[in-house]
């Protein structure tokens, strides 16, 4: 009888969610229970559709027989999706914080918001240094090295130098 279930799945709708003891797919995510390489237990890997690497890998509970993993179920899967989504969100926030910096420079004409946006191109990484006035109008914009360090002092120096592209 178990064979019939597997054959029905293989011949069924390709877009139907997979909901098996060690493999669960739904809502753009796949949970796969795997042997834990670090010890004798089990782990679960959460993959976002289209991504080659798991967003999250964590320990998985042993079943009652103390040998096999506990089967996946809808509640466990939903919790795993929530946790993996939070990991991705934090990673994206961290990456955004690394790639986008800003500071404020006070001038006699008012405050300028100076931003640095790094473009992490594999072949030619660079950054855009820009100044915006209090009305939201862009005052200046230059291309700089991806390694440019935006600090209050470097922003002030750029403004004082009539927005000419800083060297180095």
C-alpha atoms as a PDB file:
ATOM      1  CA  UNK A   1       0.000   0.000   0.000  1.00  0.00           C
ATOM      2  CA  UNK A   2       2.803   2.400   0.761  1.00  0.00           C
ATOM      3  CA  UNK A   3       4.056   1.986  -2.818  1.00  0.00           C
ATOM      4  CA  UNK A   4       0.702   3.172  -4.149  1.00  0.00           C
ATOM      5  CA  UNK A   5       0.964   6.426  -2.239  1.00  0.00           C
ATOM      6  CA  UNK A   6       4.402   7.144  -3.682  1.00  0.00           C
ATOM      7  CA  UNK A   7       3.297   6.256  -7.199  1.00  0.00           C
ATOM      8  CA  UNK A   8       0.210   8.440  -6.872  1.00  0.00           C
ATOM      9  CA  UNK A   9       2.471  11.335  -5.860  1.00  0.00           C
ATOM     10  CA  UNK A  10       4.850  10.737  -8.768  1.00  0.00           C
ATOM     11  CA  UNK A  11       2.015  10.694 -11.258  1.00  0.00           C
ATOM     12  CA  UNK A  12       0.089  13.533  -9.652  1.00  0.00           C
ATOM     13  CA  UNK A  13       0.166  17.245 -10.134  1.00  0.00           C
ATOM     14  CA  UNK A  14       3.777  18.485 -10.282  1.00  0.00           C
ATOM     15  CA  UNK A  15       2.757  21.716  -8.548  1.00  0.00           C
ATOM     16  CA  UNK A  16       1.037  19.937  -5.661  1.00  0.00           C
ATOM     17  CA  UNK A  17       2.822  20.505  -2.357  1.00  0.00           C
ATOM     18  CA  UNK A  18       4.983  17.619  -1.143  1.00  0.00           C
ATOM     19  CA  UNK A  19       4.151  16.644   2.417  1.00  0.00           C
ATOM     20  CA  UNK A  20       6.218  13.654   3.451  1.00  0.00           C
ATOM     21  CA  UNK A  21       7.876  12.615   6.713  1.00  0.00           C
ATOM     22  CA  UNK A  22      11.309  13.942   5.680  1.00  0.00           C
ATOM     23  CA  UNK A  23      10.436  16.356   2.858  1.00  0.00           C
ATOM     24  CA  UNK A  24       7.854  19.120   3.017  1.00  0.00           C
ATOM     25  CA  UNK A  25       7.291  21.748   0.321  1.00  0.00           C
ATOM     26  CA  UNK A  26       4.806  24.582   0.408  1.00  0.00           C
ATOM     27  CA  UNK A  27       4.548  28.374   0.175  1.00  0.00           C
ATOM     28  CA  UNK A  28       7.896  28.801  -1.605  1.00  0.00           C
ATOM     29  CA  UNK A  29       9.860  26.746   0.931  1.00  0.00           C
ATOM     30  CA  UNK A  30      11.264  23.230   1.234  1.00  0.00           C
ATOM     31  CA  UNK A  31      12.087  21.538   4.528  1.00  0.00           C
ATOM     32  CA  UNK A  32      14.367  18.519   4.222  1.00  0.00           C
ATOM     33  CA  UNK A  33      15.271  16.321   7.209  1.00  0.00           C
ATOM     34  CA  UNK A  34      18.869  15.173   6.815  1.00  0.00           C
ATOM     35  CA  UNK A  35      21.390  13.139   8.775  1.00  0.00           C
ATOM     36  CA  UNK A  36      23.305  15.446  11.098  1.00  0.00           C
ATOM     37  CA  UNK A  37      26.937  15.297  10.004  1.00  0.00           C
ATOM     38  CA  UNK A  38      28.196  16.465  13.418  1.00  0.00           C
ATOM     39  CA  UNK A  39      26.632  13.736  15.533  1.00  0.00           C
ATOM     40  CA  UNK A  40      24.260  10.803  15.452  1.00  0.00           C
ATOM     41  CA  UNK A  41      21.099  12.876  15.320  1.00  0.00           C
ATOM     42  CA  UNK A  42      19.126  14.572  12.608  1.00  0.00           C
ATOM     43  CA  UNK A  43      18.955  18.085  11.209  1.00  0.00           C
ATOM     44  CA  UNK A  44      16.458  20.004   9.112  1.00  0.00           C
ATOM     45  CA  UNK A  45      17.485  22.252   6.223  1.00  0.00           C
ATOM     46  CA  UNK A  46      15.150  25.013   5.036  1.00  0.00           C
ATOM     47  CA  UNK A  47      15.485  26.099   1.406  1.00  0.00           C
ATOM     48  CA  UNK A  48      13.733  29.087  -0.155  1.00  0.00           C
ATOM     49  CA  UNK A  49      12.580  28.196  -3.673  1.00  0.00           C
ATOM     50  CA  UNK A  50      15.240  29.022  -6.256  1.00  0.00           C
ATOM     51  CA  UNK A  51      18.085  29.237  -3.727  1.00  0.00           C
ATOM     52  CA  UNK A  52      20.912  26.662  -3.911  1.00  0.00           C
ATOM     53  CA  UNK A  53      21.948  27.034  -0.256  1.00  0.00           C
ATOM     54  CA  UNK A  54      19.714  26.514   2.762  1.00  0.00           C
ATOM     55  CA  UNK A  55      18.561  29.641   4.594  1.00  0.00           C
ATOM     56  CA  UNK A  56      18.587  27.696   7.854  1.00  0.00           C
ATOM     57  CA  UNK A  57      19.965  24.394   9.116  1.00  0.00           C
ATOM     58  CA  UNK A  58      19.150  23.291  12.637  1.00  0.00           C
ATOM     59  CA  UNK A  59      18.826  20.230  14.829  1.00  0.00           C
ATOM     60  CA  UNK A  60      15.799  18.002  14.358  1.00  0.00           C
ATOM     61  CA  UNK A  61      14.031  15.902  16.968  1.00  0.00           C
ATOM     62  CA  UNK A  62      14.449  12.136  17.129  1.00  0.00           C
ATOM     63  CA  UNK A  63      11.345  10.057  16.770  1.00  0.00           C
ATOM     64  CA  UNK A  64       9.978   7.725  19.443  1.00  0.00           C
ATOM     65  CA  UNK A  65      12.222   4.876  18.297  1.00  0.00           C
ATOM     66  CA  UNK A  66      15.303   7.024  19.096  1.00  0.00           C
ATOM     67  CA  UNK A  67      16.808   6.131  15.686  1.00  0.00           C
ATOM     68  CA  UNK A  68      14.735   7.858  13.045  1.00  0.00           C
ATOM     69  CA  UNK A  69      13.739  11.529  12.835  1.00  0.00           C
ATOM     70  CA  UNK A  70      10.371  12.770  13.974  1.00  0.00           C
ATOM     71  CA  UNK A  71       8.184  13.239  10.874  1.00  0.00           C
ATOM     72  CA  UNK A  72       7.597  16.763   9.590  1.00  0.00           C
ATOM     73  CA  UNK A  73       4.089  18.142  10.052  1.00  0.00           C
ATOM     74  CA  UNK A  74       2.276  21.348   9.153  1.00  0.00           C
ATOM     75  CA  UNK A  75       2.906  23.054  12.512  1.00  0.00           C
ATOM     76  CA  UNK A  76       6.629  22.254  12.506  1.00  0.00           C
ATOM     77  CA  UNK A  77       6.900  23.345   8.869  1.00  0.00           C
ATOM     78  CA  UNK A  78       5.148  26.672   9.546  1.00  0.00           C
ATOM     79  CA  UNK A  79       7.462  27.343  12.501  1.00  0.00           C
ATOM     80  CA  UNK A  80      10.504  26.521  10.356  1.00  0.00           C
ATOM     81  CA  UNK A  81       9.286  28.853   7.584  1.00  0.00           C
ATOM     82  CA  UNK A  82       8.816  31.666  10.111  1.00  0.00           C
ATOM     83  CA  UNK A  83      12.294  31.129  11.575  1.00  0.00           C
ATOM     84  CA  UNK A  84      14.030  30.839   8.185  1.00  0.00           C
ATOM     85  CA  UNK A  85      12.214  33.958   6.923  1.00  0.00           C
ATOM     86  CA  UNK A  86      13.461  35.877   9.964  1.00  0.00           C
ATOM     87  CA  UNK A  87      17.042  34.702   9.303  1.00  0.00           C
ATOM     88  CA  UNK A  88      16.802  35.948   5.708  1.00  0.00           C
ATOM     89  CA  UNK A  89      15.259  39.254   6.834  1.00  0.00           C
ATOM     90  CA  UNK A  90      18.077  39.852   9.330  1.00  0.00           C
ATOM     91  CA  UNK A  91      20.693  38.976   6.712  1.00  0.00           C
ATOM     92  CA  UNK A  92      19.118  41.438   4.266  1.00  0.00           C
ATOM     93  CA  UNK A  93      19.020  44.156   6.939  1.00  0.00           C
ATOM     94  CA  UNK A  94      22.686  43.528   7.754  1.00  0.00           C
ATOM     95  CA  UNK A  95      23.654  43.636   4.073  1.00  0.00           C
ATOM     96  CA  UNK A  96      21.661  46.850   3.590  1.00  0.00           C
ATOM     97  CA  UNK A  97      23.432  48.411   6.595  1.00  0.00           C
ATOM     98  CA  UNK A  98      26.819  47.503   5.087  1.00  0.00           C
ATOM     99  CA  UNK A  99      25.975  48.799   1.605  1.00  0.00           C
ATOM    100  CA  UNK A 100      24.078  51.989   2.560  1.00  0.00           C
ATOM    101  CA  UNK A 101      25.526  54.568   4.935  1.00  0.00           C
ATOM    102  CA  UNK A 102      24.498  58.131   5.691  1.00  0.00           C
ATOM    103  CA  UNK A 103      25.403  61.096   7.843  1.00  0.00           C
ATOM    104  CA  UNK A 104      24.376  64.725   8.156  1.00  0.00           C
ATOM    105  CA  UNK A 105      26.610  67.741   7.516  1.00  0.00           C
ATOM    106  CA  UNK A 106      25.566  71.164   8.823  1.00  0.00           C
ATOM    107  CA  UNK A 107      26.315  74.057   6.482  1.00  0.00           C
ATOM    108  CA  UNK A 108      25.481  77.760   6.546  1.00  0.00           C
ATOM    109  CA  UNK A 109      22.668  76.969   4.086  1.00  0.00           C
ATOM    110  CA  UNK A 110      21.204  74.187   6.254  1.00  0.00           C
ATOM    111  CA  UNK A 111      21.767  70.502   6.821  1.00  0.00           C
ATOM    112  CA  UNK A 112      22.803  68.144   4.029  1.00  0.00           C
ATOM    113  CA  UNK A 113      22.179  64.432   4.194  1.00  0.00           C
ATOM    114  CA  UNK A 114      25.207  62.667   2.716  1.00  0.00           C
ATOM    115  CA  UNK A 115      24.697  59.077   1.592  1.00  0.00           C
ATOM    116  CA  UNK A 116      27.054  56.373   0.381  1.00  0.00           C
ATOM    117  CA  UNK A 117      25.538  53.530  -1.632  1.00  0.00           C
ATOM    118  CA  UNK A 118      27.935  50.703  -2.466  1.00  0.00           C
ATOM    119  CA  UNK A 119      27.296  48.770  -5.678  1.00  0.00           C
ATOM    120  CA  UNK A 120      28.869  45.328  -5.081  1.00  0.00           C
ATOM    121  CA  UNK A 121      29.567  44.488  -8.740  1.00  0.00           C
ATOM    122  CA  UNK A 122      31.746  41.369  -9.123  1.00  0.00           C
ATOM    123  CA  UNK A 123      33.956  42.956 -11.786  1.00  0.00           C
ATOM    124  CA  UNK A 124      33.926  46.636 -10.873  1.00  0.00           C
ATOM    125  CA  UNK A 125      32.547  47.472  -7.412  1.00  0.00           C
ATOM    126  CA  UNK A 126      32.006  51.165  -6.762  1.00  0.00           C
ATOM    127  CA  UNK A 127      29.944  53.518  -4.629  1.00  0.00           C
ATOM    128  CA  UNK A 128      27.807  56.589  -5.168  1.00  0.00           C
ATOM    129  CA  UNK A 129      28.346  59.480  -2.796  1.00  0.00           C
ATOM    130  CA  UNK A 130      25.423  61.906  -2.804  1.00  0.00           C
ATOM    131  CA  UNK A 131      24.219  64.968  -0.920  1.00  0.00           C
ATOM    132  CA  UNK A 132      20.594  65.932  -0.466  1.00  0.00           C
ATOM    133  CA  UNK A 133      19.302  69.168   1.045  1.00  0.00           C
ATOM    134  CA  UNK A 134      16.544  69.563   3.628  1.00  0.00           C
ATOM    135  CA  UNK A 135      13.924  69.793   0.861  1.00  0.00           C
ATOM    136  CA  UNK A 136      14.960  66.404  -0.525  1.00  0.00           C
ATOM    137  CA  UNK A 137      16.690  67.911  -3.573  1.00  0.00           C
ATOM    138  CA  UNK A 138      19.915  66.251  -4.664  1.00  0.00           C
ATOM    139  CA  UNK A 139      22.756  68.787  -4.464  1.00  0.00           C
ATOM    140  CA  UNK A 140      25.620  66.600  -5.662  1.00  0.00           C
ATOM    141  CA  UNK A 141      26.426  63.055  -6.712  1.00  0.00           C
ATOM    142  CA  UNK A 142      29.796  61.459  -7.541  1.00  0.00           C
ATOM    143  CA  UNK A 143      31.148  57.987  -8.144  1.00  0.00           C
ATOM    144  CA  UNK A 144      33.775  56.906  -5.597  1.00  0.00           C
ATOM    145  CA  UNK A 145      35.730  53.796  -4.710  1.00  0.00           C
ATOM    146  CA  UNK A 146      33.735  50.994  -3.083  1.00  0.00           C
ATOM    147  CA  UNK A 147      36.245  51.245  -0.247  1.00  0.00           C
ATOM    148  CA  UNK A 148      35.410  54.884   0.504  1.00  0.00           C
ATOM    149  CA  UNK A 149      34.669  55.310   4.214  1.00  0.00           C
ATOM    150  CA  UNK A 150      31.779  57.649   4.928  1.00  0.00           C
ATOM    151  CA  UNK A 151      32.303  59.387   8.252  1.00  0.00           C
ATOM    152  CA  UNK A 152      31.091  62.766   9.472  1.00  0.00           C
ATOM    153  CA  UNK A 153      34.627  64.082   8.804  1.00  0.00           C
ATOM    154  CA  UNK A 154      34.889  62.641   5.262  1.00  0.00           C
ATOM    155  CA  UNK A 155      31.394  63.967   4.415  1.00  0.00           C
ATOM    156  CA  UNK A 156      32.273  67.405   5.749  1.00  0.00           C
ATOM    157  CA  UNK A 157      35.545  67.417   3.763  1.00  0.00           C
ATOM    158  CA  UNK A 158      33.656  66.480   0.577  1.00  0.00           C
ATOM    159  CA  UNK A 159      31.139  69.308   1.071  1.00  0.00           C
ATOM    160  CA  UNK A 160      33.930  71.793   1.884  1.00  0.00           C
ATOM    161  CA  UNK A 161      35.752  70.712  -1.297  1.00  0.00           C
ATOM    162  CA  UNK A 162      32.761  71.773  -3.434  1.00  0.00           C
ATOM    163  CA  UNK A 163      31.624  68.156  -3.862  1.00  0.00           C
ATOM    164  CA  UNK A 164      34.624  67.161  -5.957  1.00  0.00           C
ATOM    165  CA  UNK A 165      35.158  63.404  -6.018  1.00  0.00           C
ATOM    166  CA  UNK A 166      37.370  62.418  -3.094  1.00  0.00           C
ATOM    167  CA  UNK A 167      40.553  60.551  -3.911  1.00  0.00           C
ATOM    168  CA  UNK A 168      41.145  57.131  -2.409  1.00  0.00           C
END
